[in-house]
Amino acid sequence: MYYLQKESEDEKGLERIHHGVGEIQRRKLFHTSSNLPVQIEIWTLGKGVSEGSHTHGEARPLEEVYYFLDGIGEMTIEGKRITVKKNDAVMVPPGVEHDIKNSGAKPLKIMIVWGISSDRHYSEIH
């Protein structure tokens, strides 16, 4: 048994996230069929679109991994700006303020994976 998800057949929603600028196109991967304790989405940000600065704290302690599939962007993490591009990856632990913005001329495409962080596991590696 296997699951196949084709981009051409997916529903894609546009959504403004965390008071960012513009709308982000979101494609959910295996949202209802996976039993993994994570969510996986492909996000596409048009020129100048941003997610909006936010944190995932105690009420919802999410750890997030951003993997950049195409384009150029700028992440602001705890006030520090970093440039990100195709094949870069950034992991943001719970409680860390962060934002992503498309700073390039073409769409910024990202695979984002998030899940609840295990306090025990997180404290062991940091």
PDB file of N, CA and C in Angstrom:
ATOM      1  N   MET A   1       0.840  -1.179   0.000  1.00  0.00           N
ATOM      2  CA  MET A   1       0.000   0.000   0.000  1.00  0.00           C
ATOM      3  C   MET A   1       0.885   1.242   0.000  1.00  0.00           C
ATOM      4  N   TYR A   2       0.423   2.303  -0.638  1.00  0.00           N
ATOM      5  CA  TYR A   2       1.128   3.579  -0.652  1.00  0.00           C
ATOM      6  C   TYR A   2       0.127   4.688  -0.926  1.00  0.00           C
ATOM      7  N   TYR A   3       0.575   5.911  -0.690  1.00  0.00           N
ATOM      8  CA  TYR A   3      -0.249   7.088  -0.968  1.00  0.00           C
ATOM      9  C   TYR A   3       0.503   7.949  -1.973  1.00  0.00           C
ATOM     10  N   LEU A   4      -0.185   8.411  -2.976  1.00  0.00           N
ATOM     11  CA  LEU A   4       0.387   9.297  -3.984  1.00  0.00           C
ATOM     12  C   LEU A   4      -0.401  10.589  -3.965  1.00  0.00           C
ATOM     13  N   GLN A   5       0.307  11.685  -3.905  1.00  0.00           N
ATOM     14  CA  GLN A   5      -0.337  12.990  -3.911  1.00  0.00           C
ATOM     15  C   GLN A   5       0.257  13.787  -5.064  1.00  0.00           C
ATOM     16  N   LYS A   6      -0.591  14.219  -5.991  1.00  0.00           N
ATOM     17  CA  LYS A   6      -0.143  14.967  -7.166  1.00  0.00           C
ATOM     18  C   LYS A   6      -0.460  16.444  -6.989  1.00  0.00           C
ATOM     19  N   GLU A   7       0.538  17.267  -7.214  1.00  0.00           N
ATOM     20  CA  GLU A   7       0.359  18.709  -7.050  1.00  0.00           C
ATOM     21  C   GLU A   7      -0.775  19.231  -7.924  1.00  0.00           C
ATOM     22  N   SER A   8      -0.874  18.705  -9.123  1.00  0.00           N
ATOM     23  CA  SER A   8      -1.898  19.189 -10.053  1.00  0.00           C
ATOM     24  C   SER A   8      -3.323  18.915  -9.563  1.00  0.00           C
ATOM     25  N   GLU A   9      -3.479  17.968  -8.635  1.00  0.00           N
ATOM     26  CA  GLU A   9      -4.803  17.606  -8.137  1.00  0.00           C
ATOM     27  C   GLU A   9      -5.093  18.147  -6.736  1.00  0.00           C
ATOM     28  N   ASP A  10      -4.116  18.768  -6.109  1.00  0.00           N
ATOM     29  CA  ASP A  10      -4.270  19.266  -4.743  1.00  0.00           C
ATOM     30  C   ASP A  10      -5.080  20.547  -4.673  1.00  0.00           C
ATOM     31  N   GLU A  11      -5.822  20.666  -3.571  1.00  0.00           N
ATOM     32  CA  GLU A  11      -6.419  21.949  -3.246  1.00  0.00           C
ATOM     33  C   GLU A  11      -5.342  22.807  -2.619  1.00  0.00           C
ATOM     34  N   LYS A  12      -5.239  24.026  -3.065  1.00  0.00           N
ATOM     35  CA  LYS A  12      -4.242  24.939  -2.504  1.00  0.00           C
ATOM     36  C   LYS A  12      -4.985  26.154  -1.972  1.00  0.00           C
ATOM     37  N   GLY A  13      -4.713  26.477  -0.716  1.00  0.00           N
ATOM     38  CA  GLY A  13      -5.353  27.632  -0.116  1.00  0.00           C
ATOM     39  C   GLY A  13      -4.407  28.807  -0.044  1.00  0.00           C
ATOM     40  N   LEU A  14      -4.950  29.991  -0.106  1.00  0.00           N
ATOM     41  CA  LEU A  14      -4.183  31.214   0.103  1.00  0.00           C
ATOM     42  C   LEU A  14      -4.536  31.737   1.482  1.00  0.00           C
ATOM     43  N   GLU A  15      -3.521  32.095   2.252  1.00  0.00           N
ATOM     44  CA  GLU A  15      -3.785  32.495   3.621  1.00  0.00           C
ATOM     45  C   GLU A  15      -2.757  33.524   4.091  1.00  0.00           C
ATOM     46  N   ARG A  16      -3.240  34.510   4.791  1.00  0.00           N
ATOM     47  CA  ARG A  16      -2.360  35.455   5.483  1.00  0.00           C
ATOM     48  C   ARG A  16      -2.007  34.812   6.824  1.00  0.00           C
ATOM     49  N   ILE A  17      -0.725  34.730   7.148  1.00  0.00           N
ATOM     50  CA  ILE A  17      -0.278  34.004   8.342  1.00  0.00           C
ATOM     51  C   ILE A  17       0.450  34.951   9.290  1.00  0.00           C
ATOM     52  N   HIS A  18       0.146  34.863  10.560  1.00  0.00           N
ATOM     53  CA  HIS A  18       0.836  35.621  11.625  1.00  0.00           C
ATOM     54  C   HIS A  18       0.977  37.111  11.302  1.00  0.00           C
ATOM     55  N   HIS A  19      -0.039  37.698  10.727  1.00  0.00           N
ATOM     56  CA  HIS A  19      -0.054  39.142  10.404  1.00  0.00           C
ATOM     57  C   HIS A  19       1.043  39.532   9.422  1.00  0.00           C
ATOM     58  N   GLY A  20       1.461  38.589   8.578  1.00  0.00           N
ATOM     59  CA  GLY A  20       2.456  38.888   7.546  1.00  0.00           C
ATOM     60  C   GLY A  20       1.864  39.719   6.432  1.00  0.00           C
ATOM     61  N   VAL A  21       2.686  40.040   5.451  1.00  0.00           N
ATOM     62  CA  VAL A  21       2.283  40.837   4.297  1.00  0.00           C
ATOM     63  C   VAL A  21       1.878  39.890   3.170  1.00  0.00           C
ATOM     64  N   GLY A  22       0.699  40.079   2.613  1.00  0.00           N
ATOM     65  CA  GLY A  22       0.229  39.261   1.497  1.00  0.00           C
ATOM     66  C   GLY A  22      -0.241  37.887   1.948  1.00  0.00           C
ATOM     67  N   GLU A  23      -0.548  37.049   0.957  1.00  0.00           N
ATOM     68  CA  GLU A  23      -1.052  35.715   1.229  1.00  0.00           C
ATOM     69  C   GLU A  23      -0.069  34.655   0.766  1.00  0.00           C
ATOM     70  N   ILE A  24       0.032  33.587   1.548  1.00  0.00           N
ATOM     71  CA  ILE A  24       0.918  32.473   1.251  1.00  0.00           C
ATOM     72  C   ILE A  24       0.062  31.330   0.696  1.00  0.00           C
ATOM     73  N   GLN A  25       0.501  30.770  -0.420  1.00  0.00           N
ATOM     74  CA  GLN A  25      -0.171  29.594  -0.954  1.00  0.00           C
ATOM     75  C   GLN A  25       0.312  28.372  -0.169  1.00  0.00           C
ATOM     76  N   ARG A  26      -0.621  27.589   0.375  1.00  0.00           N
ATOM     77  CA  ARG A  26      -0.283  26.439   1.214  1.00  0.00           C
ATOM     78  C   ARG A  26      -0.798  25.151   0.574  1.00  0.00           C
ATOM     79  N   ARG A  27       0.091  24.197   0.459  1.00  0.00           N
ATOM     80  CA  ARG A  27      -0.245  22.860  -0.034  1.00  0.00           C
ATOM     81  C   ARG A  27       0.084  21.862   1.070  1.00  0.00           C
ATOM     82  N   LYS A  28      -0.917  21.196   1.602  1.00  0.00           N
ATOM     83  CA  LYS A  28      -0.726  20.244   2.690  1.00  0.00           C
ATOM     84  C   LYS A  28      -0.366  18.874   2.108  1.00  0.00           C
ATOM     85  N   LEU A  29       0.699  18.257   2.652  1.00  0.00           N
ATOM     86  CA  LEU A  29       1.108  16.939   2.189  1.00  0.00           C
ATOM     87  C   LEU A  29       0.617  15.857   3.146  1.00  0.00           C
ATOM     88  N   PHE A  30      -0.179  14.937   2.629  1.00  0.00           N
ATOM     89  CA  PHE A  30      -0.691  13.782   3.374  1.00  0.00           C
ATOM     90  C   PHE A  30      -1.332  14.185   4.698  1.00  0.00           C
ATOM     91  N   HIS A  31      -2.042  15.287   4.667  1.00  0.00           N
ATOM     92  CA  HIS A  31      -2.633  15.889   5.866  1.00  0.00           C
ATOM     93  C   HIS A  31      -3.562  14.935   6.610  1.00  0.00           C
ATOM     94  N   THR A  32      -4.393  14.202   5.900  1.00  0.00           N
ATOM     95  CA  THR A  32      -5.343  13.315   6.564  1.00  0.00           C
ATOM     96  C   THR A  32      -4.928  11.849   6.531  1.00  0.00           C
ATOM     97  N   SER A  33      -3.877  11.496   5.798  1.00  0.00           N
ATOM     98  CA  SER A  33      -3.499  10.087   5.676  1.00  0.00           C
ATOM     99  C   SER A  33      -2.264   9.698   6.489  1.00  0.00           C
ATOM    100  N   SER A  34      -1.464  10.663   6.916  1.00  0.00           N
ATOM    101  CA  SER A  34      -0.241  10.353   7.653  1.00  0.00           C
ATOM    102  C   SER A  34      -0.512  10.225   9.152  1.00  0.00           C
ATOM    103  N   ASN A  35       0.195   9.306   9.781  1.00  0.00           N
ATOM    104  CA  ASN A  35       0.135   9.139  11.229  1.00  0.00           C
ATOM    105  C   ASN A  35       1.364   9.725  11.922  1.00  0.00           C
ATOM    106  N   LEU A  36       2.228  10.358  11.171  1.00  0.00           N
ATOM    107  CA  LEU A  36       3.405  10.989  11.767  1.00  0.00           C
ATOM    108  C   LEU A  36       2.989  12.135  12.682  1.00  0.00           C
ATOM    109  N   PRO A  37       3.761  12.411  13.732  1.00  0.00           N
ATOM    110  CA  PRO A  37       3.406  13.510  14.649  1.00  0.00           C
ATOM    111  C   PRO A  37       3.865  14.881  14.148  1.00  0.00           C
ATOM    112  N   VAL A  38       3.839  15.058  12.830  1.00  0.00           N
ATOM    113  CA  VAL A  38       4.249  16.320  12.211  1.00  0.00           C
ATOM    114  C   VAL A  38       3.256  16.694  11.125  1.00  0.00           C
ATOM    115  N   GLN A  39       3.304  17.947  10.732  1.00  0.00           N
ATOM    116  CA  GLN A  39       2.589  18.438   9.562  1.00  0.00           C
ATOM    117  C   GLN A  39       3.641  18.841   8.536  1.00  0.00           C
ATOM    118  N   ILE A  40       3.337  18.598   7.262  1.00  0.00           N
ATOM    119  CA  ILE A  40       4.250  18.957   6.177  1.00  0.00           C
ATOM    120  C   ILE A  40       3.453  19.749   5.154  1.00  0.00           C
ATOM    121  N   GLU A  41       3.982  20.900   4.786  1.00  0.00           N
ATOM    122  CA  GLU A  41       3.326  21.728   3.776  1.00  0.00           C
ATOM    123  C   GLU A  41       4.363  22.305   2.827  1.00  0.00           C
ATOM    124  N   ILE A  42       3.915  22.613   1.628  1.00  0.00           N
ATOM    125  CA  ILE A  42       4.713  23.375   0.664  1.00  0.00           C
ATOM    126  C   ILE A  42       4.092  24.761   0.611  1.00  0.00           C
ATOM    127  N   TRP A  43       4.912  25.764   0.904  1.00  0.00           N
ATOM    128  CA  TRP A  43       4.450  27.149   0.878  1.00  0.00           C
ATOM    129  C   TRP A  43       5.076  27.858  -0.313  1.00  0.00           C
ATOM    130  N   THR A  44       4.289  28.702  -0.969  1.00  0.00           N
ATOM    131  CA  THR A  44       4.787  29.555  -2.035  1.00  0.00           C
ATOM    132  C   THR A  44       4.458  30.996  -1.675  1.00  0.00           C
ATOM    133  N   LEU A  45       5.508  31.816  -1.594  1.00  0.00           N
ATOM    134  CA  LEU A  45       5.368  33.232  -1.258  1.00  0.00           C
ATOM    135  C   LEU A  45       5.714  34.057  -2.485  1.00  0.00           C
ATOM    136  N   GLY A  46       4.807  34.916  -2.900  1.00  0.00           N
ATOM    137  CA  GLY A  46       5.079  35.822  -4.003  1.00  0.00           C
ATOM    138  C   GLY A  46       6.061  36.913  -3.576  1.00  0.00           C
ATOM    139  N   LYS A  47       6.481  37.711  -4.523  1.00  0.00           N
ATOM    140  CA  LYS A  47       7.427  38.799  -4.259  1.00  0.00           C
ATOM    141  C   LYS A  47       6.916  39.693  -3.129  1.00  0.00           C
ATOM    142  N   GLY A  48       7.750  39.888  -2.098  1.00  0.00           N
ATOM    143  CA  GLY A  48       7.411  40.766  -0.984  1.00  0.00           C
ATOM    144  C   GLY A  48       6.516  40.161   0.085  1.00  0.00           C
ATOM    145  N   VAL A  49       6.028  38.945  -0.120  1.00  0.00           N
ATOM    146  CA  VAL A  49       5.130  38.306   0.849  1.00  0.00           C
ATOM    147  C   VAL A  49       5.936  37.803   2.045  1.00  0.00           C
ATOM    148  N   SER A  50       5.354  37.932   3.251  1.00  0.00           N
ATOM    149  CA  SER A  50       6.026  37.469   4.467  1.00  0.00           C
ATOM    150  C   SER A  50       5.068  36.663   5.336  1.00  0.00           C
ATOM    151  N   GLU A  51       5.654  35.842   6.188  1.00  0.00           N
ATOM    152  CA  GLU A  51       4.864  35.039   7.126  1.00  0.00           C
ATOM    153  C   GLU A  51       4.412  35.872   8.316  1.00  0.00           C
ATOM    154  N   GLY A  52       5.218  36.780   8.753  1.00  0.00           N
ATOM    155  CA  GLY A  52       4.923  37.569   9.945  1.00  0.00           C
ATOM    156  C   GLY A  52       5.695  37.036  11.134  1.00  0.00           C
ATOM    157  N   SER A  53       6.259  37.922  11.901  1.00  0.00           N
ATOM    158  CA  SER A  53       7.069  37.541  13.055  1.00  0.00           C
ATOM    159  C   SER A  53       6.191  36.902  14.126  1.00  0.00           C
ATOM    160  N   HIS A  54       6.670  35.774  14.671  1.00  0.00           N
ATOM    161  CA  HIS A  54       5.895  35.034  15.665  1.00  0.00           C
ATOM    162  C   HIS A  54       6.789  34.054  16.418  1.00  0.00           C
ATOM    163  N   THR A  55       6.252  33.510  17.504  1.00  0.00           N
ATOM    164  CA  THR A  55       6.909  32.444  18.252  1.00  0.00           C
ATOM    165  C   THR A  55       5.880  31.348  18.524  1.00  0.00           C
ATOM    166  N   HIS A  56       6.371  30.170  18.811  1.00  0.00           N
ATOM    167  CA  HIS A  56       5.529  29.051  19.237  1.00  0.00           C
ATOM    168  C   HIS A  56       5.987  28.703  20.637  1.00  0.00           C
ATOM    169  N   GLY A  57       5.251  29.188  21.629  1.00  0.00           N
ATOM    170  CA  GLY A  57       5.678  29.070  23.018  1.00  0.00           C
ATOM    171  C   GLY A  57       5.071  27.899  23.759  1.00  0.00           C
ATOM    172  N   GLU A  58       4.901  28.098  25.050  1.00  0.00           N
ATOM    173  CA  GLU A  58       4.467  27.023  25.935  1.00  0.00           C
ATOM    174  C   GLU A  58       3.113  26.446  25.568  1.00  0.00           C
ATOM    175  N   ALA A  59       2.180  27.270  25.138  1.00  0.00           N
ATOM    176  CA  ALA A  59       0.840  26.779  24.802  1.00  0.00           C
ATOM    177  C   ALA A  59       0.876  25.854  23.588  1.00  0.00           C
ATOM    178  N   ARG A  60       1.790  26.098  22.677  1.00  0.00           N
ATOM    179  CA  ARG A  60       1.935  25.288  21.452  1.00  0.00           C
ATOM    180  C   ARG A  60       3.408  25.265  21.059  1.00  0.00           C
ATOM    181  N   PRO A  61       4.230  24.472  21.755  1.00  0.00           N
ATOM    182  CA  PRO A  61       5.693  24.516  21.567  1.00  0.00           C
ATOM    183  C   PRO A  61       6.146  23.797  20.299  1.00  0.00           C
ATOM    184  N   LEU A  62       5.958  24.433  19.164  1.00  0.00           N
ATOM    185  CA  LEU A  62       6.313  23.819  17.892  1.00  0.00           C
ATOM    186  C   LEU A  62       7.775  24.021  17.536  1.00  0.00           C
ATOM    187  N   GLU A  63       8.361  22.988  16.978  1.00  0.00           N
ATOM    188  CA  GLU A  63       9.679  23.065  16.357  1.00  0.00           C
ATOM    189  C   GLU A  63       9.416  23.036  14.854  1.00  0.00           C
ATOM    190  N   GLU A  64      10.083  23.916  14.106  1.00  0.00           N
ATOM    191  CA  GLU A  64       9.826  24.001  12.671  1.00  0.00           C
ATOM    192  C   GLU A  64      11.109  23.852  11.875  1.00  0.00           C
ATOM    193  N   VAL A  65      10.993  23.166  10.731  1.00  0.00           N
ATOM    194  CA  VAL A  65      12.094  23.051   9.786  1.00  0.00           C
ATOM    195  C   VAL A  65      11.624  23.654   8.467  1.00  0.00           C
ATOM    196  N   TYR A  66      12.385  24.603   7.962  1.00  0.00           N
ATOM    197  CA  TYR A  66      12.123  25.231   6.668  1.00  0.00           C
ATOM    198  C   TYR A  66      13.179  24.710   5.689  1.00  0.00           C
ATOM    199  N   TYR A  67      12.740  24.119   4.584  1.00  0.00           N
ATOM    200  CA  TYR A  67      13.657  23.677   3.537  1.00  0.00           C
ATOM    201  C   TYR A  67      13.282  24.427   2.271  1.00  0.00           C
ATOM    202  N   PHE A  68      14.239  25.155   1.728  1.00  0.00           N
ATOM    203  CA  PHE A  68      13.972  26.071   0.627  1.00  0.00           C
ATOM    204  C   PHE A  68      14.143  25.364  -0.714  1.00  0.00           C
ATOM    205  N   LEU A  69      13.043  25.285  -1.453  1.00  0.00           N
ATOM    206  CA  LEU A  69      13.007  24.567  -2.721  1.00  0.00           C
ATOM    207  C   LEU A  69      13.370  25.447  -3.912  1.00  0.00           C
ATOM    208  N   ASP A  70      13.027  26.736  -3.831  1.00  0.00           N
ATOM    209  CA  ASP A  70      13.309  27.649  -4.943  1.00  0.00           C
ATOM    210  C   ASP A  70      13.175  29.090  -4.475  1.00  0.00           C
ATOM    211  N   GLY A  71      13.901  29.981  -5.139  1.00  0.00           N
ATOM    212  CA  GLY A  71      13.817  31.399  -4.840  1.00  0.00           C
ATOM    213  C   GLY A  71      14.825  31.847  -3.794  1.00  0.00           C
ATOM    214  N   ILE A  72      14.683  33.118  -3.404  1.00  0.00           N
ATOM    215  CA  ILE A  72      15.566  33.747  -2.415  1.00  0.00           C
ATOM    216  C   ILE A  72      14.689  34.435  -1.377  1.00  0.00           C
ATOM    217  N   GLY A  73      15.059  34.265  -0.129  1.00  0.00           N
ATOM    218  CA  GLY A  73      14.290  34.894   0.931  1.00  0.00           C
ATOM    219  C   GLY A  73      15.181  35.422   2.033  1.00  0.00           C
ATOM    220  N   GLU A  74      14.517  36.008   3.010  1.00  0.00           N
ATOM    221  CA  GLU A  74      15.208  36.528   4.179  1.00  0.00           C
ATOM    222  C   GLU A  74      14.435  36.081   5.411  1.00  0.00           C
ATOM    223  N   MET A  75      15.133  35.402   6.310  1.00  0.00           N
ATOM    224  CA  MET A  75      14.529  35.039   7.587  1.00  0.00           C
ATOM    225  C   MET A  75      15.064  35.986   8.641  1.00  0.00           C
ATOM    226  N   THR A  76      14.211  36.379   9.555  1.00  0.00           N
ATOM    227  CA  THR A  76      14.624  37.138  10.725  1.00  0.00           C
ATOM    228  C   THR A  76      14.373  36.221  11.911  1.00  0.00           C
ATOM    229  N   ILE A  77      15.459  35.878  12.614  1.00  0.00           N
ATOM    230  CA  ILE A  77      15.378  34.957  13.744  1.00  0.00           C
ATOM    231  C   ILE A  77      15.978  35.659  14.951  1.00  0.00           C
ATOM    232  N   GLU A  78      15.126  35.900  15.944  1.00  0.00           N
ATOM    233  CA  GLU A  78      15.519  36.651  17.144  1.00  0.00           C
ATOM    234  C   GLU A  78      16.250  37.943  16.784  1.00  0.00           C
ATOM    235  N   GLY A  79      15.713  38.655  15.794  1.00  0.00           N
ATOM    236  CA  GLY A  79      16.250  39.946  15.386  1.00  0.00           C
ATOM    237  C   GLY A  79      17.396  39.895  14.395  1.00  0.00           C
ATOM    238  N   LYS A  80      17.952  38.714  14.122  1.00  0.00           N
ATOM    239  CA  LYS A  80      19.069  38.589  13.178  1.00  0.00           C
ATOM    240  C   LYS A  80      18.523  38.186  11.806  1.00  0.00           C
ATOM    241  N   ARG A  81      18.923  38.920  10.773  1.00  0.00           N
ATOM    242  CA  ARG A  81      18.474  38.629   9.412  1.00  0.00           C
ATOM    243  C   ARG A  81      19.482  37.734   8.711  1.00  0.00           C
ATOM    244  N   ILE A  82      18.960  36.688   8.075  1.00  0.00           N
ATOM    245  CA  ILE A  82      19.809  35.798   7.295  1.00  0.00           C
ATOM    246  C   ILE A  82      19.182  35.591   5.923  1.00  0.00           C
ATOM    247  N   THR A  83      20.015  35.506   4.902  1.00  0.00           N
ATOM    248  CA  THR A  83      19.553  35.229   3.553  1.00  0.00           C
ATOM    249  C   THR A  83      19.446  33.720   3.374  1.00  0.00           C
ATOM    250  N   VAL A  84      18.352  33.272   2.755  1.00  0.00           N
ATOM    251  CA  VAL A  84      18.140  31.860   2.484  1.00  0.00           C
ATOM    252  C   VAL A  84      17.812  31.682   1.015  1.00  0.00           C
ATOM    253  N   LYS A  85      18.243  30.540   0.475  1.00  0.00           N
ATOM    254  CA  LYS A  85      18.005  30.260  -0.942  1.00  0.00           C
ATOM    255  C   LYS A  85      17.833  28.761  -1.152  1.00  0.00           C
ATOM    256  N   LYS A  86      17.608  28.365  -2.379  1.00  0.00           N
ATOM    257  CA  LYS A  86      17.379  26.977  -2.755  1.00  0.00           C
ATOM    258  C   LYS A  86      18.397  26.044  -2.091  1.00  0.00           C
ATOM    259  N   ASN A  87      17.889  24.965  -1.507  1.00  0.00           N
ATOM    260  CA  ASN A  87      18.650  23.909  -0.835  1.00  0.00           C
ATOM    261  C   ASN A  87      19.159  24.279   0.551  1.00  0.00           C
ATOM    262  N   ASP A  88      18.864  25.479   1.042  1.00  0.00           N
ATOM    263  CA  ASP A  88      19.171  25.820   2.442  1.00  0.00           C
ATOM    264  C   ASP A  88      18.082  25.233   3.330  1.00  0.00           C
ATOM    265  N   ALA A  89      18.424  24.995   4.594  1.00  0.00           N
ATOM    266  CA  ALA A  89      17.447  24.524   5.577  1.00  0.00           C
ATOM    267  C   ALA A  89      17.679  25.281   6.878  1.00  0.00           C
ATOM    268  N   VAL A  90      16.601  25.611   7.566  1.00  0.00           N
ATOM    269  CA  VAL A  90      16.673  26.307   8.845  1.00  0.00           C
ATOM    270  C   VAL A  90      15.735  25.593   9.808  1.00  0.00           C
ATOM    271  N   MET A  91      16.228  25.311  11.020  1.00  0.00           N
ATOM    272  CA  MET A  91      15.398  24.724  12.065  1.00  0.00           C
ATOM    273  C   MET A  91      15.201  25.774  13.138  1.00  0.00           C
ATOM    274  N   VAL A  92      13.947  25.995  13.531  1.00  0.00           N
ATOM    275  CA  VAL A  92      13.607  26.992  14.547  1.00  0.00           C
ATOM    276  C   VAL A  92      12.997  26.269  15.746  1.00  0.00           C
ATOM    277  N   PRO A  93      13.679  26.306  16.905  1.00  0.00           N
ATOM    278  CA  PRO A  93      13.142  25.662  18.107  1.00  0.00           C
ATOM    279  C   PRO A  93      11.943  26.421  18.677  1.00  0.00           C
ATOM    280  N   PRO A  94      11.194  25.792  19.574  1.00  0.00           N
ATOM    281  CA  PRO A  94      10.081  26.473  20.227  1.00  0.00           C
ATOM    282  C   PRO A  94      10.557  27.704  20.993  1.00  0.00           C
ATOM    283  N   GLY A  95       9.713  28.725  21.026  1.00  0.00           N
ATOM    284  CA  GLY A  95      10.014  29.922  21.794  1.00  0.00           C
ATOM    285  C   GLY A  95      10.936  30.917  21.116  1.00  0.00           C
ATOM    286  N   VAL A  96      11.366  30.629  19.884  1.00  0.00           N
ATOM    287  CA  VAL A  96      12.274  31.513  19.158  1.00  0.00           C
ATOM    288  C   VAL A  96      11.471  32.345  18.160  1.00  0.00           C
ATOM    289  N   GLU A  97      11.576  33.664  18.262  1.00  0.00           N
ATOM    290  CA  GLU A  97      10.859  34.560  17.354  1.00  0.00           C
ATOM    291  C   GLU A  97      11.459  34.454  15.951  1.00  0.00           C
ATOM    292  N   HIS A  98      10.581  34.331  14.943  1.00  0.00           N
ATOM    293  CA  HIS A  98      11.064  34.179  13.577  1.00  0.00           C
ATOM    294  C   HIS A  98      10.039  34.670  12.555  1.00  0.00           C
ATOM    295  N   ASP A  99      10.538  34.911  11.349  1.00  0.00           N
ATOM    296  CA  ASP A  99       9.742  35.410  10.229  1.00  0.00           C
ATOM    297  C   ASP A  99      10.455  34.998   8.950  1.00  0.00           C
ATOM    298  N   ILE A 100       9.703  34.830   7.883  1.00  0.00           N
ATOM    299  CA  ILE A 100      10.290  34.577   6.563  1.00  0.00           C
ATOM    300  C   ILE A 100       9.645  35.535   5.566  1.00  0.00           C
ATOM    301  N   LYS A 101      10.467  36.059   4.661  1.00  0.00           N
ATOM    302  CA  LYS A 101       9.983  36.990   3.635  1.00  0.00           C
ATOM    303  C   LYS A 101      10.623  36.648   2.305  1.00  0.00           C
ATOM    304  N   ASN A 102       9.844  36.731   1.235  1.00  0.00           N
ATOM    305  CA  ASN A 102      10.400  36.581  -0.104  1.00  0.00           C
ATOM    306  C   ASN A 102      11.073  37.894  -0.477  1.00  0.00           C
ATOM    307  N   SER A 103      12.387  37.857  -0.599  1.00  0.00           N
ATOM    308  CA  SER A 103      13.137  39.068  -0.953  1.00  0.00           C
ATOM    309  C   SER A 103      13.596  39.044  -2.404  1.00  0.00           C
ATOM    310  N   GLY A 104      13.212  38.005  -3.143  1.00  0.00           N
ATOM    311  CA  GLY A 104      13.625  37.885  -4.536  1.00  0.00           C
ATOM    312  C   GLY A 104      12.553  38.326  -5.503  1.00  0.00           C
ATOM    313  N   ALA A 105      12.875  38.202  -6.795  1.00  0.00           N
ATOM    314  CA  ALA A 105      11.957  38.621  -7.853  1.00  0.00           C
ATOM    315  C   ALA A 105      10.965  37.531  -8.239  1.00  0.00           C
ATOM    316  N   LYS A 106      11.320  36.264  -7.972  1.00  0.00           N
ATOM    317  CA  LYS A 106      10.413  35.169  -8.325  1.00  0.00           C
ATOM    318  C   LYS A 106       9.860  34.526  -7.052  1.00  0.00           C
ATOM    319  N   PRO A 107       8.851  33.663  -7.168  1.00  0.00           N
ATOM    320  CA  PRO A 107       8.265  33.053  -5.975  1.00  0.00           C
ATOM    321  C   PRO A 107       9.290  32.295  -5.127  1.00  0.00           C
ATOM    322  N   LEU A 108       9.099  32.373  -3.820  1.00  0.00           N
ATOM    323  CA  LEU A 108       9.906  31.622  -2.857  1.00  0.00           C
ATOM    324  C   LEU A 108       9.092  30.389  -2.482  1.00  0.00           C
ATOM    325  N   LYS A 109       9.662  29.213  -2.724  1.00  0.00           N
ATOM    326  CA  LYS A 109       8.959  27.957  -2.468  1.00  0.00           C
ATOM    327  C   LYS A 109       9.686  27.227  -1.347  1.00  0.00           C
ATOM    328  N   ILE A 110       8.915  26.823  -0.330  1.00  0.00           N
ATOM    329  CA  ILE A 110       9.478  26.246   0.893  1.00  0.00           C
ATOM    330  C   ILE A 110       8.707  24.982   1.261  1.00  0.00           C
ATOM    331  N   MET A 111       9.441  23.961   1.713  1.00  0.00           N
ATOM    332  CA  MET A 111       8.789  22.847   2.399  1.00  0.00           C
ATOM    333  C   MET A 111       8.958  23.129   3.883  1.00  0.00           C
ATOM    334  N   ILE A 112       7.853  23.153   4.607  1.00  0.00           N
ATOM    335  CA  ILE A 112       7.919  23.415   6.042  1.00  0.00           C
ATOM    336  C   ILE A 112       7.335  22.211   6.777  1.00  0.00           C
ATOM    337  N   VAL A 113       8.085  21.769   7.780  1.00  0.00           N
ATOM    338  CA  VAL A 113       7.686  20.625   8.600  1.00  0.00           C
ATOM    339  C   VAL A 113       7.667  21.103  10.040  1.00  0.00           C
ATOM    340  N   TRP A 114       6.568  20.806  10.751  1.00  0.00           N
ATOM    341  CA  TRP A 114       6.519  21.201  12.151  1.00  0.00           C
ATOM    342  C   TRP A 114       5.833  20.133  12.973  1.00  0.00           C
ATOM    343  N   GLY A 115       6.220  20.131  14.241  1.00  0.00           N
ATOM    344  CA  GLY A 115       5.604  19.203  15.179  1.00  0.00           C
ATOM    345  C   GLY A 115       5.874  19.670  16.591  1.00  0.00           C
ATOM    346  N   ILE A 116       5.173  19.069  17.516  1.00  0.00           N
ATOM    347  CA  ILE A 116       5.352  19.404  18.919  1.00  0.00           C
ATOM    348  C   ILE A 116       6.727  18.906  19.353  1.00  0.00           C
ATOM    349  N   SER A 117       7.487  19.772  19.955  1.00  0.00           N
ATOM    350  CA  SER A 117       8.825  19.420  20.412  1.00  0.00           C
ATOM    351  C   SER A 117       8.743  18.671  21.735  1.00  0.00           C
ATOM    352  N   SER A 118       9.518  17.624  21.857  1.00  0.00           N
ATOM    353  CA  SER A 118       9.624  16.902  23.121  1.00  0.00           C
ATOM    354  C   SER A 118      10.607  17.639  24.011  1.00  0.00           C
ATOM    355  N   ASP A 119      10.149  18.110  25.164  1.00  0.00           N
ATOM    356  CA  ASP A 119      11.039  18.847  26.077  1.00  0.00           C
ATOM    357  C   ASP A 119      12.262  18.023  26.441  1.00  0.00           C
ATOM    358  N   ARG A 120      12.081  16.728  26.705  1.00  0.00           N
ATOM    359  CA  ARG A 120      13.201  15.868  27.082  1.00  0.00           C
ATOM    360  C   ARG A 120      14.208  15.786  25.951  1.00  0.00           C
ATOM    361  N   HIS A 121      13.722  15.509  24.761  1.00  0.00           N
ATOM    362  CA  HIS A 121      14.618  15.398  23.618  1.00  0.00           C
ATOM    363  C   HIS A 121      15.323  16.732  23.358  1.00  0.00           C
ATOM    364  N   TYR A 122      14.565  17.820  23.370  1.00  0.00           N
ATOM    365  CA  TYR A 122      15.148  19.120  23.088  1.00  0.00           C
ATOM    366  C   TYR A 122      16.229  19.492  24.112  1.00  0.00           C
ATOM    367  N   SER A 123      15.972  19.233  25.394  1.00  0.00           N
ATOM    368  CA  SER A 123      16.961  19.589  26.404  1.00  0.00           C
ATOM    369  C   SER A 123      18.213  18.718  26.307  1.00  0.00           C
ATOM    370  N   GLU A 124      18.070  17.491  25.781  1.00  0.00           N
ATOM    371  CA  GLU A 124      19.241  16.618  25.636  1.00  0.00           C
ATOM    372  C   GLU A 124      20.185  17.099  24.553  1.00  0.00           C
ATOM    373  N   ILE A 125      19.656  17.747  23.513  1.00  0.00           N
ATOM    374  CA  ILE A 125      20.518  18.148  22.401  1.00  0.00           C
ATOM    375  C   ILE A 125      20.979  19.593  22.490  1.00  0.00           C
ATOM    376  N   HIS A 126      20.493  20.346  23.462  1.00  0.00           N
ATOM    377  CA  HIS A 126      20.907  21.761  23.566  1.00  0.00           C
ATOM    378  C   HIS A 126      21.515  22.036  24.901  1.00  0.00           C
TER     379      HIS A 126
END
